[in-house]
Amino acid sequence: CIMRFPPEIGAVEEIAADWDPPSLGTG
């Protein structure tokens, strides 16, 4: 899975529940 995950986290489990992933770009 490729996303613009928050740069300050070291693992997916650290993502805040209210995180809204930013766009990677258009189709």
PDB file of all heavy atoms in Angstrom:
ATOM      1  N   CYS A   1       0.852  -1.187   0.000  1.00  0.00           N
ATOM      2  CA  CYS A   1       0.000   0.000   0.000  1.00  0.00           C
ATOM      3  C   CYS A   1       0.889   1.239   0.000  1.00  0.00           C
ATOM      4  O   CYS A   1       1.797   1.354   0.824  1.00  0.00           O
ATOM      5  CB  CYS A   1      -0.899  -0.003   1.230  1.00  0.00           C
ATOM      6  SG  CYS A   1      -1.921   1.472   1.374  1.00  0.00           S
ATOM      7  N   ILE A   2       0.601   2.150  -0.931  1.00  0.00           N
ATOM      8  CA  ILE A   2       1.378   3.375  -1.068  1.00  0.00           C
ATOM      9  C   ILE A   2       0.474   4.571  -0.796  1.00  0.00           C
ATOM     10  O   ILE A   2      -0.575   4.712  -1.428  1.00  0.00           O
ATOM     11  CB  ILE A   2       1.993   3.478  -2.475  1.00  0.00           C
ATOM     12  CG1 ILE A   2       2.940   2.295  -2.712  1.00  0.00           C
ATOM     13  CG2 ILE A   2       2.700   4.818  -2.661  1.00  0.00           C
ATOM     14  CD1 ILE A   2       3.434   2.180  -4.131  1.00  0.00           C
ATOM     15  N   MET A   3       0.875   5.387   0.167  1.00  0.00           N
ATOM     16  CA  MET A   3       0.131   6.591   0.525  1.00  0.00           C
ATOM     17  C   MET A   3       1.118   7.643   1.022  1.00  0.00           C
ATOM     18  O   MET A   3       2.267   7.328   1.311  1.00  0.00           O
ATOM     19  CB  MET A   3      -0.902   6.300   1.622  1.00  0.00           C
ATOM     20  CG  MET A   3      -1.965   5.298   1.235  1.00  0.00           C
ATOM     21  SD  MET A   3      -3.118   4.966   2.583  1.00  0.00           S
ATOM     22  CE  MET A   3      -4.229   6.333   2.348  1.00  0.00           C
ATOM     23  N   ARG A   4       0.627   8.832   1.173  1.00  0.00           N
ATOM     24  CA  ARG A   4       1.445   9.882   1.794  1.00  0.00           C
ATOM     25  C   ARG A   4       1.189   9.846   3.301  1.00  0.00           C
ATOM     26  O   ARG A   4       0.514  10.694   3.868  1.00  0.00           O
ATOM     27  CB  ARG A   4       1.122  11.249   1.188  1.00  0.00           C
ATOM     28  CG  ARG A   4       1.636  11.331  -0.236  1.00  0.00           C
ATOM     29  CD  ARG A   4       1.900  12.730  -0.697  1.00  0.00           C
ATOM     30  NE  ARG A   4       2.513  12.684  -2.015  1.00  0.00           N
ATOM     31  CZ  ARG A   4       2.049  13.320  -3.078  1.00  0.00           C
ATOM     32  NH1 ARG A   4       0.987  14.091  -2.986  1.00  0.00           N
ATOM     33  NH2 ARG A   4       2.662  13.205  -4.232  1.00  0.00           N
ATOM     34  N   PHE A   5       1.732   8.813   3.915  1.00  0.00           N
ATOM     35  CA  PHE A   5       1.597   8.632   5.351  1.00  0.00           C
ATOM     36  C   PHE A   5       2.300   9.780   6.068  1.00  0.00           C
ATOM     37  O   PHE A   5       3.277  10.328   5.557  1.00  0.00           O
ATOM     38  CB  PHE A   5       2.216   7.300   5.783  1.00  0.00           C
ATOM     39  CG  PHE A   5       1.495   6.083   5.264  1.00  0.00           C
ATOM     40  CD1 PHE A   5       1.998   5.367   4.189  1.00  0.00           C
ATOM     41  CD2 PHE A   5       0.315   5.670   5.841  1.00  0.00           C
ATOM     42  CE1 PHE A   5       1.346   4.244   3.709  1.00  0.00           C
ATOM     43  CE2 PHE A   5      -0.355   4.551   5.381  1.00  0.00           C
ATOM     44  CZ  PHE A   5       0.164   3.833   4.310  1.00  0.00           C
ATOM     45  N   PRO A   6       1.838  10.129   7.268  1.00  0.00           N
ATOM     46  CA  PRO A   6       2.507  11.204   8.018  1.00  0.00           C
ATOM     47  C   PRO A   6       3.999  10.890   8.187  1.00  0.00           C
ATOM     48  O   PRO A   6       4.363   9.785   8.594  1.00  0.00           O
ATOM     49  CB  PRO A   6       1.778  11.202   9.364  1.00  0.00           C
ATOM     50  CG  PRO A   6       0.439  10.591   9.074  1.00  0.00           C
ATOM     51  CD  PRO A   6       0.687   9.578   7.994  1.00  0.00           C
ATOM     52  N   PRO A   7       4.867  11.832   7.882  1.00  0.00           N
ATOM     53  CA  PRO A   7       6.314  11.562   7.928  1.00  0.00           C
ATOM     54  C   PRO A   7       6.848  11.304   9.332  1.00  0.00           C
ATOM     55  O   PRO A   7       7.893  10.675   9.478  1.00  0.00           O
ATOM     56  CB  PRO A   7       6.932  12.820   7.329  1.00  0.00           C
ATOM     57  CG  PRO A   7       5.895  13.871   7.447  1.00  0.00           C
ATOM     58  CD  PRO A   7       4.561  13.184   7.432  1.00  0.00           C
ATOM     59  N   GLU A   8       6.144  11.767  10.346  1.00  0.00           N
ATOM     60  CA  GLU A   8       6.653  11.631  11.713  1.00  0.00           C
ATOM     61  C   GLU A   8       6.366  10.271  12.334  1.00  0.00           C
ATOM     62  O   GLU A   8       6.852   9.982  13.431  1.00  0.00           O
ATOM     63  CB  GLU A   8       6.093  12.751  12.604  1.00  0.00           C
ATOM     64  CG  GLU A   8       4.608  12.662  12.871  1.00  0.00           C
ATOM     65  CD  GLU A   8       3.723  13.273  11.773  1.00  0.00           C
ATOM     66  OE1 GLU A   8       4.237  13.724  10.744  1.00  0.00           O
ATOM     67  OE2 GLU A   8       2.497  13.284  11.974  1.00  0.00           O
ATOM     68  N   ILE A   9       5.598   9.411  11.678  1.00  0.00           N
ATOM     69  CA  ILE A   9       5.270   8.119  12.285  1.00  0.00           C
ATOM     70  C   ILE A   9       6.187   7.025  11.749  1.00  0.00           C
ATOM     71  O   ILE A   9       6.706   7.103  10.641  1.00  0.00           O
ATOM     72  CB  ILE A   9       3.791   7.736  12.065  1.00  0.00           C
ATOM     73  CG1 ILE A   9       3.489   7.507  10.583  1.00  0.00           C
ATOM     74  CG2 ILE A   9       2.858   8.790  12.663  1.00  0.00           C
ATOM     75  CD1 ILE A   9       2.154   6.872  10.322  1.00  0.00           C
ATOM     76  N   GLY A  10       6.384   5.997  12.571  1.00  0.00           N
ATOM     77  CA  GLY A  10       7.240   4.884  12.194  1.00  0.00           C
ATOM     78  C   GLY A  10       6.494   3.632  11.813  1.00  0.00           C
ATOM     79  O   GLY A  10       7.075   2.700  11.271  1.00  0.00           O
ATOM     80  N   ALA A  11       5.180   3.590  12.108  1.00  0.00           N
ATOM     81  CA  ALA A  11       4.367   2.411  11.800  1.00  0.00           C
ATOM     82  C   ALA A  11       2.922   2.845  11.567  1.00  0.00           C
ATOM     83  O   ALA A  11       2.480   3.873  12.093  1.00  0.00           O
ATOM     84  CB  ALA A  11       4.432   1.409  12.947  1.00  0.00           C
ATOM     85  N   VAL A  12       2.220   2.061  10.805  1.00  0.00           N
ATOM     86  CA  VAL A  12       0.827   2.370  10.477  1.00  0.00           C
ATOM     87  C   VAL A  12      -0.021   2.495  11.737  1.00  0.00           C
ATOM     88  O   VAL A  12      -0.940   3.321  11.802  1.00  0.00           O
ATOM     89  CB  VAL A  12       0.256   1.293   9.524  1.00  0.00           C
ATOM     90  CG1 VAL A  12      -1.227   1.487   9.281  1.00  0.00           C
ATOM     91  CG2 VAL A  12       1.010   1.304   8.205  1.00  0.00           C
ATOM     92  N   GLU A  13       0.297   1.709  12.759  1.00  0.00           N
ATOM     93  CA  GLU A  13      -0.471   1.735  14.007  1.00  0.00           C
ATOM     94  C   GLU A  13      -0.448   3.105  14.684  1.00  0.00           C
ATOM     95  O   GLU A  13      -1.290   3.404  15.522  1.00  0.00           O
ATOM     96  CB  GLU A  13       0.044   0.673  14.983  1.00  0.00           C
ATOM     97  CG  GLU A  13      -0.184  -0.744  14.528  1.00  0.00           C
ATOM     98  CD  GLU A  13       0.833  -1.211  13.479  1.00  0.00           C
ATOM     99  OE1 GLU A  13       1.919  -0.611  13.363  1.00  0.00           O
ATOM    100  OE2 GLU A  13       0.522  -2.172  12.758  1.00  0.00           O
ATOM    101  N   GLU A  14       0.499   3.951  14.321  1.00  0.00           N
ATOM    102  CA  GLU A  14       0.633   5.271  14.927  1.00  0.00           C
ATOM    103  C   GLU A  14      -0.235   6.337  14.255  1.00  0.00           C
ATOM    104  O   GLU A  14      -0.286   7.471  14.727  1.00  0.00           O
ATOM    105  CB  GLU A  14       2.099   5.716  14.870  1.00  0.00           C
ATOM    106  CG  GLU A  14       3.035   4.841  15.666  1.00  0.00           C
ATOM    107  CD  GLU A  14       4.485   5.229  15.465  1.00  0.00           C
ATOM    108  OE1 GLU A  14       4.780   6.414  15.169  1.00  0.00           O
ATOM    109  OE2 GLU A  14       5.360   4.343  15.602  1.00  0.00           O
ATOM    110  N   ILE A  15      -0.927   5.972  13.187  1.00  0.00           N
ATOM    111  CA  ILE A  15      -1.763   6.951  12.484  1.00  0.00           C
ATOM    112  C   ILE A  15      -2.961   7.315  13.351  1.00  0.00           C
ATOM    113  O   ILE A  15      -3.634   6.435  13.896  1.00  0.00           O
ATOM    114  CB  ILE A  15      -2.240   6.396  11.128  1.00  0.00           C
ATOM    115  CG1 ILE A  15      -1.039   6.166  10.206  1.00  0.00           C
ATOM    116  CG2 ILE A  15      -3.245   7.340  10.472  1.00  0.00           C
ATOM    117  CD1 ILE A  15      -1.381   5.473   8.908  1.00  0.00           C
ATOM    118  N   ALA A  16      -3.226   8.589  13.468  1.00  0.00           N
ATOM    119  CA  ALA A  16      -4.376   9.065  14.248  1.00  0.00           C
ATOM    120  C   ALA A  16      -5.671   8.596  13.590  1.00  0.00           C
ATOM    121  O   ALA A  16      -5.773   8.510  12.358  1.00  0.00           O
ATOM    122  CB  ALA A  16      -4.354  10.587  14.334  1.00  0.00           C
ATOM    123  N   ALA A  17      -6.664   8.314  14.423  1.00  0.00           N
ATOM    124  CA  ALA A  17      -7.954   7.822  13.917  1.00  0.00           C
ATOM    125  C   ALA A  17      -8.628   8.816  12.975  1.00  0.00           C
ATOM    126  O   ALA A  17      -9.357   8.408  12.063  1.00  0.00           O
ATOM    127  CB  ALA A  17      -8.879   7.499  15.092  1.00  0.00           C
ATOM    128  N   ASP A  18      -8.378  10.090  13.160  1.00  0.00           N
ATOM    129  CA  ASP A  18      -9.029  11.099  12.316  1.00  0.00           C
ATOM    130  C   ASP A  18      -8.148  11.551  11.138  1.00  0.00           C
ATOM    131  O   ASP A  18      -8.449  12.537  10.473  1.00  0.00           O
ATOM    132  CB  ASP A  18      -9.430  12.311  13.148  1.00  0.00           C
ATOM    133  CG  ASP A  18      -8.239  13.010  13.795  1.00  0.00           C
ATOM    134  OD1 ASP A  18      -7.120  12.448  13.784  1.00  0.00           O
ATOM    135  OD2 ASP A  18      -8.434  14.123  14.315  1.00  0.00           O
ATOM    136  N   TRP A  19      -7.077  10.819  10.842  1.00  0.00           N
ATOM    137  CA  TRP A  19      -6.178  11.172   9.748  1.00  0.00           C
ATOM    138  C   TRP A  19      -6.911  11.110   8.417  1.00  0.00           C
ATOM    139  O   TRP A  19      -7.638  10.154   8.127  1.00  0.00           O
ATOM    140  CB  TRP A  19      -4.982  10.234   9.742  1.00  0.00           C
ATOM    141  CG  TRP A  19      -4.008  10.487   8.628  1.00  0.00           C
ATOM    142  CD1 TRP A  19      -3.265  11.611   8.432  1.00  0.00           C
ATOM    143  CD2 TRP A  19      -3.657   9.593   7.571  1.00  0.00           C
ATOM    144  NE1 TRP A  19      -2.473  11.465   7.318  1.00  0.00           N
ATOM    145  CE2 TRP A  19      -2.692  10.235   6.765  1.00  0.00           C
ATOM    146  CE3 TRP A  19      -4.064   8.310   7.219  1.00  0.00           C
ATOM    147  CZ2 TRP A  19      -2.127   9.639   5.643  1.00  0.00           C
ATOM    148  CZ3 TRP A  19      -3.501   7.716   6.108  1.00  0.00           C
ATOM    149  CH2 TRP A  19      -2.547   8.387   5.332  1.00  0.00           C
ATOM    150  N   ASP A  20      -6.748  12.125   7.623  1.00  0.00           N
ATOM    151  CA  ASP A  20      -7.339  12.193   6.290  1.00  0.00           C
ATOM    152  C   ASP A  20      -6.187  12.180   5.293  1.00  0.00           C
ATOM    153  O   ASP A  20      -5.452  13.174   5.176  1.00  0.00           O
ATOM    154  CB  ASP A  20      -8.167  13.478   6.154  1.00  0.00           C
ATOM    155  CG  ASP A  20      -8.960  13.532   4.878  1.00  0.00           C
ATOM    156  OD1 ASP A  20      -9.224  12.462   4.279  1.00  0.00           O
ATOM    157  OD2 ASP A  20      -9.319  14.643   4.470  1.00  0.00           O
ATOM    158  N   PRO A  21      -5.988  11.057   4.583  1.00  0.00           N
ATOM    159  CA  PRO A  21      -4.808  10.970   3.715  1.00  0.00           C
ATOM    160  C   PRO A  21      -4.827  12.003   2.599  1.00  0.00           C
ATOM    161  O   PRO A  21      -5.856  12.203   1.956  1.00  0.00           O
ATOM    162  CB  PRO A  21      -4.873   9.555   3.146  1.00  0.00           C
ATOM    163  CG  PRO A  21      -6.260   9.087   3.369  1.00  0.00           C
ATOM    164  CD  PRO A  21      -6.824   9.867   4.517  1.00  0.00           C
ATOM    165  N   PRO A  22      -3.709  12.659   2.373  1.00  0.00           N
ATOM    166  CA  PRO A  22      -3.637  13.609   1.264  1.00  0.00           C
ATOM    167  C   PRO A  22      -3.564  12.875  -0.073  1.00  0.00           C
ATOM    168  O   PRO A  22      -3.188  11.707  -0.143  1.00  0.00           O
ATOM    169  CB  PRO A  22      -2.344  14.378   1.541  1.00  0.00           C
ATOM    170  CG  PRO A  22      -1.523  13.454   2.358  1.00  0.00           C
ATOM    171  CD  PRO A  22      -2.478  12.613   3.149  1.00  0.00           C
ATOM    172  N   SER A  23      -3.892  13.580  -1.112  1.00  0.00           N
ATOM    173  CA  SER A  23      -3.878  13.011  -2.453  1.00  0.00           C
ATOM    174  C   SER A  23      -2.458  12.704  -2.912  1.00  0.00           C
ATOM    175  O   SER A  23      -1.524  13.457  -2.634  1.00  0.00           O
ATOM    176  CB  SER A  23      -4.537  13.999  -3.423  1.00  0.00           C
ATOM    177  OG  SER A  23      -4.428  13.540  -4.743  1.00  0.00           O
ATOM    178  N   LEU A  24      -2.321  11.597  -3.638  1.00  0.00           N
ATOM    179  CA  LEU A  24      -1.066  11.271  -4.312  1.00  0.00           C
ATOM    180  C   LEU A  24      -0.983  11.990  -5.648  1.00  0.00           C
ATOM    181  O   LEU A  24       0.077  12.121  -6.231  1.00  0.00           O
ATOM    182  CB  LEU A  24      -0.984   9.769  -4.596  1.00  0.00           C
ATOM    183  CG  LEU A  24      -0.777   8.827  -3.432  1.00  0.00           C
ATOM    184  CD1 LEU A  24      -0.916   7.382  -3.905  1.00  0.00           C
ATOM    185  CD2 LEU A  24       0.584   9.047  -2.807  1.00  0.00           C
ATOM    186  N   GLY A  25      -2.120  12.409  -6.145  1.00  0.00           N
ATOM    187  CA  GLY A  25      -2.225  13.025  -7.459  1.00  0.00           C
ATOM    188  C   GLY A  25      -3.525  12.583  -8.106  1.00  0.00           C
ATOM    189  O   GLY A  25      -4.367  11.948  -7.471  1.00  0.00           O
ATOM    190  N   THR A  26      -3.687  12.902  -9.352  1.00  0.00           N
ATOM    191  CA  THR A  26      -4.887  12.509 -10.087  1.00  0.00           C
ATOM    192  C   THR A  26      -4.679  11.121 -10.700  1.00  0.00           C
ATOM    193  O   THR A  26      -3.556  10.598 -10.726  1.00  0.00           O
ATOM    194  CB  THR A  26      -5.174  13.504 -11.219  1.00  0.00           C
ATOM    195  OG1 THR A  26      -4.079  13.455 -12.145  1.00  0.00           O
ATOM    196  CG2 THR A  26      -5.375  14.919 -10.688  1.00  0.00           C
ATOM    197  N   GLY A  27      -5.761  10.558 -11.189  1.00  0.00           N
ATOM    198  CA  GLY A  27      -5.656   9.275 -11.881  1.00  0.00           C
ATOM    199  C   GLY A  27      -4.617   9.322 -12.986  1.00  0.00           C
ATOM    200  O   GLY A  27      -3.815   8.398 -13.145  1.00  0.00           O
TER     201      GLY A  27
END
